[in-house]
Amino acid sequence: MMSKKNNTSFGEYIRQLREDRNLPLRKIAAELDIDTSTLSKIEKNERNASEQIIEKLSEIFAIDKADLKVRYLSDKITYQLLDEEDGIEILKVAEQKIKYHKQQQA
């Protein structure tokens, strides 16, 4: 599903998309209706992107919103579990719980 390297952070991915198209930070920030400094922080992974920003970015760069959301949420989970001794085990249990809850909803 994800086209570029999975190890690339959400912010790095956005910056790369912007730079590949030779678009200045200020132009994308204006299209997102946010400050240039805010977009810069998102690209540096110093600030979170809202659902609206993710949606607008997918439109601006003509990429799949689901792909962008996977990148964003997986970053959040990664950074939350990075320092946890049992981070991988936590992810495995969470995956089982997600499958269980989805079956209950079906």
PDB file of N, CA and C in Angstrom:
ATOM      1  N   MET A   1       0.820  -1.196   0.000  1.00  0.00           N
ATOM      2  CA  MET A   1       0.000   0.000   0.000  1.00  0.00           C
ATOM      3  C   MET A   1       0.857   1.251   0.000  1.00  0.00           C
ATOM      4  N   MET A   2       1.907   1.297   0.804  1.00  0.00           N
ATOM      5  CA  MET A   2       2.720   2.503   0.898  1.00  0.00           C
ATOM      6  C   MET A   2       3.803   2.474  -0.178  1.00  0.00           C
ATOM      7  N   SER A   3       3.873   3.562  -0.950  1.00  0.00           N
ATOM      8  CA  SER A   3       4.731   3.571  -2.119  1.00  0.00           C
ATOM      9  C   SER A   3       6.199   3.840  -1.807  1.00  0.00           C
ATOM     10  N   LYS A   4       6.494   4.778  -0.929  1.00  0.00           N
ATOM     11  CA  LYS A   4       7.893   5.073  -0.600  1.00  0.00           C
ATOM     12  C   LYS A   4       8.317   4.215   0.576  1.00  0.00           C
ATOM     13  N   LYS A   5       9.565   4.381   0.990  1.00  0.00           N
ATOM     14  CA  LYS A   5      10.093   3.570   2.089  1.00  0.00           C
ATOM     15  C   LYS A   5       9.197   3.679   3.327  1.00  0.00           C
ATOM     16  N   ASN A   6       8.883   2.551   3.916  1.00  0.00           N
ATOM     17  CA  ASN A   6       8.052   2.534   5.118  1.00  0.00           C
ATOM     18  C   ASN A   6       8.731   3.225   6.294  1.00  0.00           C
ATOM     19  N   ASN A   7      10.063   3.291   6.274  1.00  0.00           N
ATOM     20  CA  ASN A   7      10.793   3.884   7.390  1.00  0.00           C
ATOM     21  C   ASN A   7      10.780   5.399   7.373  1.00  0.00           C
ATOM     22  N   THR A   8      10.369   5.987   6.274  1.00  0.00           N
ATOM     23  CA  THR A   8      10.314   7.438   6.180  1.00  0.00           C
ATOM     24  C   THR A   8       9.195   7.946   7.075  1.00  0.00           C
ATOM     25  N   SER A   9       9.504   8.930   7.899  1.00  0.00           N
ATOM     26  CA  SER A   9       8.471   9.473   8.782  1.00  0.00           C
ATOM     27  C   SER A   9       7.445  10.255   7.971  1.00  0.00           C
ATOM     28  N   PHE A  10       6.312  10.509   8.572  1.00  0.00           N
ATOM     29  CA  PHE A  10       5.242  11.268   7.927  1.00  0.00           C
ATOM     30  C   PHE A  10       5.768  12.623   7.456  1.00  0.00           C
ATOM     31  N   GLY A  11       6.438  13.341   8.348  1.00  0.00           N
ATOM     32  CA  GLY A  11       6.963  14.666   8.011  1.00  0.00           C
ATOM     33  C   GLY A  11       7.983  14.621   6.888  1.00  0.00           C
ATOM     34  N   GLU A  12       8.883  13.654   6.956  1.00  0.00           N
ATOM     35  CA  GLU A  12       9.898  13.513   5.900  1.00  0.00           C
ATOM     36  C   GLU A  12       9.232  13.204   4.562  1.00  0.00           C
ATOM     37  N   TYR A  13       8.201  12.395   4.603  1.00  0.00           N
ATOM     38  CA  TYR A  13       7.473  12.036   3.389  1.00  0.00           C
ATOM     39  C   TYR A  13       6.815  13.262   2.766  1.00  0.00           C
ATOM     40  N   ILE A  14       6.177  14.082   3.592  1.00  0.00           N
ATOM     41  CA  ILE A  14       5.529  15.309   3.103  1.00  0.00           C
ATOM     42  C   ILE A  14       6.573  16.249   2.517  1.00  0.00           C
ATOM     43  N   ARG A  15       7.679  16.433   3.220  1.00  0.00           N
ATOM     44  CA  ARG A  15       8.749  17.308   2.725  1.00  0.00           C
ATOM     45  C   ARG A  15       9.275  16.804   1.379  1.00  0.00           C
ATOM     46  N   GLN A  16       9.455  15.484   1.272  1.00  0.00           N
ATOM     47  CA  GLN A  16       9.960  14.915   0.020  1.00  0.00           C
ATOM     48  C   GLN A  16       8.972  15.138  -1.124  1.00  0.00           C
ATOM     49  N   LEU A  17       7.685  14.940  -0.858  1.00  0.00           N
ATOM     50  CA  LEU A  17       6.665  15.191  -1.883  1.00  0.00           C
ATOM     51  C   LEU A  17       6.725  16.643  -2.345  1.00  0.00           C
ATOM     52  N   ARG A  18       6.833  17.547  -1.404  1.00  0.00           N
ATOM     53  CA  ARG A  18       6.881  18.981  -1.719  1.00  0.00           C
ATOM     54  C   ARG A  18       8.133  19.328  -2.515  1.00  0.00           C
ATOM     55  N   GLU A  19       9.281  18.824  -2.065  1.00  0.00           N
ATOM     56  CA  GLU A  19      10.542  19.130  -2.743  1.00  0.00           C
ATOM     57  C   GLU A  19      10.609  18.483  -4.125  1.00  0.00           C
ATOM     58  N   ASP A  20      10.062  17.281  -4.274  1.00  0.00           N
ATOM     59  CA  ASP A  20      10.044  16.607  -5.581  1.00  0.00           C
ATOM     60  C   ASP A  20       9.287  17.432  -6.618  1.00  0.00           C
ATOM     61  N   ARG A  21       8.343  18.214  -6.144  1.00  0.00           N
ATOM     62  CA  ARG A  21       7.535  19.049  -7.046  1.00  0.00           C
ATOM     63  C   ARG A  21       8.032  20.502  -7.082  1.00  0.00           C
ATOM     64  N   ASN A  22       9.169  20.748  -6.440  1.00  0.00           N
ATOM     65  CA  ASN A  22       9.764  22.092  -6.378  1.00  0.00           C
ATOM     66  C   ASN A  22       8.777  23.146  -5.872  1.00  0.00           C
ATOM     67  N   LEU A  23       8.021  22.774  -4.853  1.00  0.00           N
ATOM     68  CA  LEU A  23       7.042  23.692  -4.274  1.00  0.00           C
ATOM     69  C   LEU A  23       7.606  24.286  -2.990  1.00  0.00           C
ATOM     70  N   PRO A  24       7.535  25.608  -2.846  1.00  0.00           N
ATOM     71  CA  PRO A  24       8.029  26.223  -1.609  1.00  0.00           C
ATOM     72  C   PRO A  24       7.090  25.947  -0.428  1.00  0.00           C
ATOM     73  N   LEU A  25       7.679  25.943   0.737  1.00  0.00           N
ATOM     74  CA  LEU A  25       6.930  25.718   1.978  1.00  0.00           C
ATOM     75  C   LEU A  25       5.740  26.673   2.075  1.00  0.00           C
ATOM     76  N   ARG A  26       5.968  27.937   1.765  1.00  0.00           N
ATOM     77  CA  ARG A  26       4.911  28.951   1.906  1.00  0.00           C
ATOM     78  C   ARG A  26       3.706  28.677   1.009  1.00  0.00           C
ATOM     79  N   LYS A  27       3.948  28.106  -0.189  1.00  0.00           N
ATOM     80  CA  LYS A  27       2.841  27.825  -1.110  1.00  0.00           C
ATOM     81  C   LYS A  27       1.950  26.705  -0.563  1.00  0.00           C
ATOM     82  N   ILE A  28       2.550  25.633  -0.083  1.00  0.00           N
ATOM     83  CA  ILE A  28       1.770  24.521   0.475  1.00  0.00           C
ATOM     84  C   ILE A  28       1.071  24.964   1.758  1.00  0.00           C
ATOM     85  N   ALA A  29       1.782  25.722   2.600  1.00  0.00           N
ATOM     86  CA  ALA A  29       1.171  26.226   3.839  1.00  0.00           C
ATOM     87  C   ALA A  29      -0.055  27.077   3.515  1.00  0.00           C
ATOM     88  N   ALA A  30       0.047  27.924   2.488  1.00  0.00           N
ATOM     89  CA  ALA A  30      -1.085  28.772   2.092  1.00  0.00           C
ATOM     90  C   ALA A  30      -2.262  27.911   1.627  1.00  0.00           C
ATOM     91  N   GLU A  31      -1.975  26.857   0.852  1.00  0.00           N
ATOM     92  CA  GLU A  31      -3.043  25.965   0.386  1.00  0.00           C
ATOM     93  C   GLU A  31      -3.699  25.219   1.547  1.00  0.00           C
ATOM     94  N   LEU A  32      -2.910  24.963   2.600  1.00  0.00           N
ATOM     95  CA  LEU A  32      -3.435  24.274   3.789  1.00  0.00           C
ATOM     96  C   LEU A  32      -4.099  25.255   4.758  1.00  0.00           C
ATOM     97  N   ASP A  33      -3.911  26.552   4.498  1.00  0.00           N
ATOM     98  CA  ASP A  33      -4.424  27.614   5.366  1.00  0.00           C
ATOM     99  C   ASP A  33      -3.811  27.529   6.772  1.00  0.00           C
ATOM    100  N   ILE A  34      -2.485  27.299   6.805  1.00  0.00           N
ATOM    101  CA  ILE A  34      -1.739  27.272   8.062  1.00  0.00           C
ATOM    102  C   ILE A  34      -0.476  28.120   7.897  1.00  0.00           C
ATOM    103  N   ASP A  35       0.154  28.475   9.007  1.00  0.00           N
ATOM    104  CA  ASP A  35       1.400  29.222   8.958  1.00  0.00           C
ATOM    105  C   ASP A  35       2.507  28.371   8.359  1.00  0.00           C
ATOM    106  N   THR A  36       3.454  29.040   7.716  1.00  0.00           N
ATOM    107  CA  THR A  36       4.628  28.351   7.178  1.00  0.00           C
ATOM    108  C   THR A  36       5.371  27.625   8.290  1.00  0.00           C
ATOM    109  N   SER A  37       5.465  28.267   9.458  1.00  0.00           N
ATOM    110  CA  SER A  37       6.183  27.647  10.584  1.00  0.00           C
ATOM    111  C   SER A  37       5.479  26.369  11.052  1.00  0.00           C
ATOM    112  N   THR A  38       4.170  26.339  10.983  1.00  0.00           N
ATOM    113  CA  THR A  38       3.420  25.140  11.370  1.00  0.00           C
ATOM    114  C   THR A  38       3.722  23.993  10.419  1.00  0.00           C
ATOM    115  N   LEU A  39       3.710  24.272   9.114  1.00  0.00           N
ATOM    116  CA  LEU A  39       4.032  23.230   8.140  1.00  0.00           C
ATOM    117  C   LEU A  39       5.472  22.769   8.322  1.00  0.00           C
ATOM    118  N   SER A  40       6.367  23.691   8.581  1.00  0.00           N
ATOM    119  CA  SER A  40       7.765  23.334   8.809  1.00  0.00           C
ATOM    120  C   SER A  40       7.884  22.381   9.990  1.00  0.00           C
ATOM    121  N   LYS A  41       7.140  22.643  11.061  1.00  0.00           N
ATOM    122  CA  LYS A  41       7.165  21.764  12.234  1.00  0.00           C
ATOM    123  C   LYS A  41       6.572  20.399  11.929  1.00  0.00           C
ATOM    124  N   ILE A  42       5.540  20.351  11.096  1.00  0.00           N
ATOM    125  CA  ILE A  42       4.958  19.066  10.687  1.00  0.00           C
ATOM    126  C   ILE A  42       6.000  18.275   9.904  1.00  0.00           C
ATOM    127  N   GLU A  43       6.703  18.952   9.000  1.00  0.00           N
ATOM    128  CA  GLU A  43       7.732  18.277   8.204  1.00  0.00           C
ATOM    129  C   GLU A  43       8.899  17.783   9.056  1.00  0.00           C
ATOM    130  N   LYS A  44       9.143  18.453  10.173  1.00  0.00           N
ATOM    131  CA  LYS A  44      10.235  18.051  11.077  1.00  0.00           C
ATOM    132  C   LYS A  44       9.737  17.102  12.168  1.00  0.00           C
ATOM    133  N   ASN A  45       8.475  16.691  12.070  1.00  0.00           N
ATOM    134  CA  ASN A  45       7.847  15.802  13.051  1.00  0.00           C
ATOM    135  C   ASN A  45       7.825  16.416  14.449  1.00  0.00           C
ATOM    136  N   GLU A  46       7.741  17.735  14.509  1.00  0.00           N
ATOM    137  CA  GLU A  46       7.668  18.441  15.786  1.00  0.00           C
ATOM    138  C   GLU A  46       6.234  18.829  16.122  1.00  0.00           C
ATOM    139  N   ARG A  47       5.339  18.631  15.170  1.00  0.00           N
ATOM    140  CA  ARG A  47       3.939  18.978  15.376  1.00  0.00           C
ATOM    141  C   ARG A  47       3.064  17.971  14.647  1.00  0.00           C
ATOM    142  N   ASN A  48       1.913  17.666  15.229  1.00  0.00           N
ATOM    143  CA  ASN A  48       0.979  16.720  14.623  1.00  0.00           C
ATOM    144  C   ASN A  48       0.153  17.392  13.531  1.00  0.00           C
ATOM    145  N   ALA A  49      -0.255  16.607  12.565  1.00  0.00           N
ATOM    146  CA  ALA A  49      -1.136  17.075  11.506  1.00  0.00           C
ATOM    147  C   ALA A  49      -2.567  16.676  11.864  1.00  0.00           C
ATOM    148  N   SER A  50      -3.495  17.568  11.605  1.00  0.00           N
ATOM    149  CA  SER A  50      -4.900  17.257  11.866  1.00  0.00           C
ATOM    150  C   SER A  50      -5.462  16.411  10.727  1.00  0.00           C
ATOM    151  N   GLU A  51      -6.633  15.864  10.963  1.00  0.00           N
ATOM    152  CA  GLU A  51      -7.333  15.082   9.932  1.00  0.00           C
ATOM    153  C   GLU A  51      -7.560  15.947   8.687  1.00  0.00           C
ATOM    154  N   GLN A  52      -7.909  17.227   8.895  1.00  0.00           N
ATOM    155  CA  GLN A  52      -8.146  18.145   7.773  1.00  0.00           C
ATOM    156  C   GLN A  52      -6.873  18.375   6.965  1.00  0.00           C
ATOM    157  N   ILE A  53      -5.739  18.509   7.658  1.00  0.00           N
ATOM    158  CA  ILE A  53      -4.464  18.720   6.965  1.00  0.00           C
ATOM    159  C   ILE A  53      -4.105  17.479   6.152  1.00  0.00           C
ATOM    160  N   ILE A  54      -4.297  16.309   6.742  1.00  0.00           N
ATOM    161  CA  ILE A  54      -4.008  15.063   6.020  1.00  0.00           C
ATOM    162  C   ILE A  54      -4.865  14.974   4.760  1.00  0.00           C
ATOM    163  N   GLU A  55      -6.133  15.312   4.890  1.00  0.00           N
ATOM    164  CA  GLU A  55      -7.034  15.271   3.737  1.00  0.00           C
ATOM    165  C   GLU A  55      -6.600  16.264   2.662  1.00  0.00           C
ATOM    166  N   LYS A  56      -6.280  17.490   3.065  1.00  0.00           N
ATOM    167  CA  LYS A  56      -5.844  18.499   2.088  1.00  0.00           C
ATOM    168  C   LYS A  56      -4.527  18.112   1.430  1.00  0.00           C
ATOM    169  N   LEU A  57      -3.596  17.548   2.206  1.00  0.00           N
ATOM    170  CA  LEU A  57      -2.316  17.111   1.637  1.00  0.00           C
ATOM    171  C   LEU A  57      -2.532  16.030   0.586  1.00  0.00           C
ATOM    172  N   SER A  58      -3.461  15.116   0.847  1.00  0.00           N
ATOM    173  CA  SER A  58      -3.726  14.054  -0.133  1.00  0.00           C
ATOM    174  C   SER A  58      -4.269  14.650  -1.429  1.00  0.00           C
ATOM    175  N   GLU A  59      -5.060  15.720  -1.317  1.00  0.00           N
ATOM    176  CA  GLU A  59      -5.592  16.393  -2.504  1.00  0.00           C
ATOM    177  C   GLU A  59      -4.495  17.172  -3.230  1.00  0.00           C
ATOM    178  N   ILE A  60      -3.698  17.916  -2.491  1.00  0.00           N
ATOM    179  CA  ILE A  60      -2.633  18.735  -3.080  1.00  0.00           C
ATOM    180  C   ILE A  60      -1.649  17.872  -3.863  1.00  0.00           C
ATOM    181  N   PHE A  61      -1.250  16.749  -3.267  1.00  0.00           N
ATOM    182  CA  PHE A  61      -0.245  15.893  -3.893  1.00  0.00           C
ATOM    183  C   PHE A  61      -0.863  14.748  -4.700  1.00  0.00           C
ATOM    184  N   ALA A  62      -2.190  14.706  -4.769  1.00  0.00           N
ATOM    185  CA  ALA A  62      -2.917  13.672  -5.520  1.00  0.00           C
ATOM    186  C   ALA A  62      -2.445  12.269  -5.124  1.00  0.00           C
ATOM    187  N   ILE A  63      -2.469  12.029  -3.812  1.00  0.00           N
ATOM    188  CA  ILE A  63      -2.098  10.708  -3.291  1.00  0.00           C
ATOM    189  C   ILE A  63      -3.240  10.177  -2.437  1.00  0.00           C
ATOM    190  N   ASP A  64      -3.214   8.900  -2.209  1.00  0.00           N
ATOM    191  CA  ASP A  64      -4.274   8.231  -1.460  1.00  0.00           C
ATOM    192  C   ASP A  64      -4.314   8.710  -0.008  1.00  0.00           C
ATOM    193  N   LYS A  65      -5.480   9.164   0.424  1.00  0.00           N
ATOM    194  CA  LYS A  65      -5.638   9.643   1.798  1.00  0.00           C
ATOM    195  C   LYS A  65      -5.371   8.525   2.800  1.00  0.00           C
ATOM    196  N   ALA A  66      -5.802   7.311   2.480  1.00  0.00           N
ATOM    197  CA  ALA A  66      -5.583   6.173   3.385  1.00  0.00           C
ATOM    198  C   ALA A  66      -4.091   5.921   3.583  1.00  0.00           C
ATOM    199  N   ASP A  67      -3.303   6.025   2.512  1.00  0.00           N
ATOM    200  CA  ASP A  67      -1.853   5.843   2.598  1.00  0.00           C
ATOM    201  C   ASP A  67      -1.253   6.889   3.537  1.00  0.00           C
ATOM    202  N   LEU A  68      -1.677   8.119   3.370  1.00  0.00           N
ATOM    203  CA  LEU A  68      -1.165   9.205   4.204  1.00  0.00           C
ATOM    204  C   LEU A  68      -1.549   9.002   5.667  1.00  0.00           C
ATOM    205  N   LYS A  69      -2.776   8.552   5.880  1.00  0.00           N
ATOM    206  CA  LYS A  69      -3.245   8.324   7.245  1.00  0.00           C
ATOM    207  C   LYS A  69      -2.489   7.172   7.913  1.00  0.00           C
ATOM    208  N   VAL A  70      -2.200   6.125   7.147  1.00  0.00           N
ATOM    209  CA  VAL A  70      -1.413   5.006   7.677  1.00  0.00           C
ATOM    210  C   VAL A  70      -0.035   5.499   8.099  1.00  0.00           C
ATOM    211  N   ARG A  71       0.592   6.300   7.257  1.00  0.00           N
ATOM    212  CA  ARG A  71       1.908   6.849   7.588  1.00  0.00           C
ATOM    213  C   ARG A  71       1.846   7.685   8.864  1.00  0.00           C
ATOM    214  N   TYR A  72       0.834   8.529   8.949  1.00  0.00           N
ATOM    215  CA  TYR A  72       0.702   9.428  10.092  1.00  0.00           C
ATOM    216  C   TYR A  72       0.456   8.655  11.391  1.00  0.00           C
ATOM    217  N   LEU A  73      -0.537   7.783  11.378  1.00  0.00           N
ATOM    218  CA  LEU A  73      -0.887   7.051  12.599  1.00  0.00           C
ATOM    219  C   LEU A  73       0.198   6.059  13.006  1.00  0.00           C
ATOM    220  N   SER A  74       0.858   5.439  12.027  1.00  0.00           N
ATOM    221  CA  SER A  74       1.931   4.511  12.379  1.00  0.00           C
ATOM    222  C   SER A  74       3.103   5.257  13.022  1.00  0.00           C
ATOM    223  N   ASP A  75       3.352   6.497  12.594  1.00  0.00           N
ATOM    224  CA  ASP A  75       4.371   7.325  13.257  1.00  0.00           C
ATOM    225  C   ASP A  75       3.996   7.578  14.713  1.00  0.00           C
ATOM    226  N   LYS A  76       2.740   7.961  14.927  1.00  0.00           N
ATOM    227  CA  LYS A  76       2.293   8.251  16.294  1.00  0.00           C
ATOM    228  C   LYS A  76       2.477   7.026  17.196  1.00  0.00           C
ATOM    229  N   ILE A  77       2.078   5.874  16.692  1.00  0.00           N
ATOM    230  CA  ILE A  77       2.203   4.635  17.471  1.00  0.00           C
ATOM    231  C   ILE A  77       3.673   4.296  17.702  1.00  0.00           C
ATOM    232  N   THR A  78       4.472   4.424  16.654  1.00  0.00           N
ATOM    233  CA  THR A  78       5.904   4.125  16.771  1.00  0.00           C
ATOM    234  C   THR A  78       6.555   4.961  17.857  1.00  0.00           C
ATOM    235  N   TYR A  79       6.337   6.276  17.814  1.00  0.00           N
ATOM    236  CA  TYR A  79       6.985   7.148  18.796  1.00  0.00           C
ATOM    237  C   TYR A  79       6.455   6.913  20.209  1.00  0.00           C
ATOM    238  N   GLN A  80       5.192   6.506  20.317  1.00  0.00           N
ATOM    239  CA  GLN A  80       4.626   6.217  21.624  1.00  0.00           C
ATOM    240  C   GLN A  80       5.237   4.946  22.230  1.00  0.00           C
ATOM    241  N   LEU A  81       5.524   3.963  21.385  1.00  0.00           N
ATOM    242  CA  LEU A  81       6.020   2.675  21.879  1.00  0.00           C
ATOM    243  C   LEU A  81       7.531   2.508  21.786  1.00  0.00           C
ATOM    244  N   LEU A  82       8.202   3.473  21.196  1.00  0.00           N
ATOM    245  CA  LEU A  82       9.637   3.371  20.942  1.00  0.00           C
ATOM    246  C   LEU A  82      10.455   3.032  22.183  1.00  0.00           C
ATOM    247  N   ASP A  83      10.131   3.655  23.296  1.00  0.00           N
ATOM    248  CA  ASP A  83      10.915   3.446  24.515  1.00  0.00           C
ATOM    249  C   ASP A  83      10.345   2.360  25.420  1.00  0.00           C
ATOM    250  N   GLU A  84       9.279   1.719  24.984  1.00  0.00           N
ATOM    251  CA  GLU A  84       8.683   0.643  25.764  1.00  0.00           C
ATOM    252  C   GLU A  84       9.474  -0.640  25.543  1.00  0.00           C
ATOM    253  N   GLU A  85       9.850  -1.286  26.605  1.00  0.00           N
ATOM    254  CA  GLU A  85      10.619  -2.533  26.511  1.00  0.00           C
ATOM    255  C   GLU A  85       9.859  -3.595  25.711  1.00  0.00           C
ATOM    256  N   ASP A  86       8.551  -3.654  25.886  1.00  0.00           N
ATOM    257  CA  ASP A  86       7.725  -4.667  25.228  1.00  0.00           C
ATOM    258  C   ASP A  86       6.921  -4.084  24.067  1.00  0.00           C
ATOM    259  N   GLY A  87       7.473  -3.103  23.375  1.00  0.00           N
ATOM    260  CA  GLY A  87       6.766  -2.411  22.300  1.00  0.00           C
ATOM    261  C   GLY A  87       6.221  -3.329  21.227  1.00  0.00           C
ATOM    262  N   ILE A  88       7.019  -4.271  20.769  1.00  0.00           N
ATOM    263  CA  ILE A  88       6.583  -5.201  19.713  1.00  0.00           C
ATOM    264  C   ILE A  88       5.454  -6.090  20.225  1.00  0.00           C
ATOM    265  N   GLU A  89       5.577  -6.564  21.450  1.00  0.00           N
ATOM    266  CA  GLU A  89       4.523  -7.403  22.043  1.00  0.00           C
ATOM    267  C   GLU A  89       3.231  -6.600  22.190  1.00  0.00           C
ATOM    268  N   ILE A  90       3.346  -5.351  22.580  1.00  0.00           N
ATOM    269  CA  ILE A  90       2.169  -4.485  22.707  1.00  0.00           C
ATOM    270  C   ILE A  90       1.469  -4.366  21.357  1.00  0.00           C
ATOM    271  N   LEU A  91       2.239  -4.192  20.297  1.00  0.00           N
ATOM    272  CA  LEU A  91       1.654  -4.098  18.956  1.00  0.00           C
ATOM    273  C   LEU A  91       0.942  -5.386  18.553  1.00  0.00           C
ATOM    274  N   LYS A  92       1.535  -6.523  18.886  1.00  0.00           N
ATOM    275  CA  LYS A  92       0.925  -7.818  18.545  1.00  0.00           C
ATOM    276  C   LYS A  92      -0.410  -7.991  19.262  1.00  0.00           C
ATOM    277  N   VAL A  93      -0.442  -7.631  20.537  1.00  0.00           N
ATOM    278  CA  VAL A  93      -1.682  -7.745  21.312  1.00  0.00           C
ATOM    279  C   VAL A  93      -2.721  -6.768  20.773  1.00  0.00           C
ATOM    280  N   ALA A  94      -2.287  -5.549  20.450  1.00  0.00           N
ATOM    281  CA  ALA A  94      -3.210  -4.554  19.901  1.00  0.00           C
ATOM    282  C   ALA A  94      -3.812  -5.044  18.577  1.00  0.00           C
ATOM    283  N   GLU A  95      -2.989  -5.682  17.751  1.00  0.00           N
ATOM    284  CA  GLU A  95      -3.478  -6.223  16.482  1.00  0.00           C
ATOM    285  C   GLU A  95      -4.559  -7.274  16.727  1.00  0.00           C
ATOM    286  N   GLN A  96      -4.334  -8.161  17.704  1.00  0.00           N
ATOM    287  CA  GLN A  96      -5.329  -9.182  18.037  1.00  0.00           C
ATOM    288  C   GLN A  96      -6.622  -8.536  18.530  1.00  0.00           C
ATOM    289  N   LYS A  97      -6.493  -7.494  19.343  1.00  0.00           N
ATOM    290  CA  LYS A  97      -7.678  -6.810  19.869  1.00  0.00           C
ATOM    291  C   LYS A  97      -8.457  -6.115  18.758  1.00  0.00           C
ATOM    292  N   ILE A  98      -7.751  -5.509  17.825  1.00  0.00           N
ATOM    293  CA  ILE A  98      -8.421  -4.841  16.696  1.00  0.00           C
ATOM    294  C   ILE A  98      -9.207  -5.874  15.891  1.00  0.00           C
ATOM    295  N   LYS A  99      -8.578  -7.012  15.602  1.00  0.00           N
ATOM    296  CA  LYS A  99      -9.271  -8.075  14.843  1.00  0.00           C
ATOM    297  C   LYS A  99     -10.499  -8.557  15.601  1.00  0.00           C
ATOM    298  N   TYR A 100     -10.356  -8.730  16.901  1.00  0.00           N
ATOM    299  CA  TYR A 100     -11.473  -9.191  17.727  1.00  0.00           C
ATOM    300  C   TYR A 100     -12.637  -8.196  17.674  1.00  0.00           C
ATOM    301  N   HIS A 101     -12.329  -6.926  17.883  1.00  0.00           N
ATOM    302  CA  HIS A 101     -13.384  -5.904  17.904  1.00  0.00           C
ATOM    303  C   HIS A 101     -14.051  -5.742  16.537  1.00  0.00           C
ATOM    304  N   LYS A 102     -13.273  -5.881  15.466  1.00  0.00           N
ATOM    305  CA  LYS A 102     -13.868  -5.795  14.130  1.00  0.00           C
ATOM    306  C   LYS A 102     -14.818  -6.966  13.882  1.00  0.00           C
ATOM    307  N   GLN A 103     -14.466  -8.157  14.393  1.00  0.00           N
ATOM    308  CA  GLN A 103     -15.354  -9.325  14.255  1.00  0.00           C
ATOM    309  C   GLN A 103     -16.641  -9.096  15.044  1.00  0.00           C
ATOM    310  N   GLN A 104     -16.526  -8.466  16.205  1.00  0.00           N
ATOM    311  CA  GLN A 104     -17.714  -8.212  17.035  1.00  0.00           C
ATOM    312  C   GLN A 104     -18.662  -7.224  16.356  1.00  0.00           C
ATOM    313  N   GLN A 105     -18.083  -6.308  15.586  1.00  0.00           N
ATOM    314  CA  GLN A 105     -18.892  -5.289  14.907  1.00  0.00           C
ATOM    315  C   GLN A 105     -19.579  -5.843  13.656  1.00  0.00           C
ATOM    316  N   ALA A 106     -19.030  -6.924  13.099  1.00  0.00           N
ATOM    317  CA  ALA A 106     -19.565  -7.472  11.834  1.00  0.00           C
ATOM    318  C   ALA A 106     -20.893  -8.181  12.028  1.00  0.00           C
TER     319      ALA A 106
END
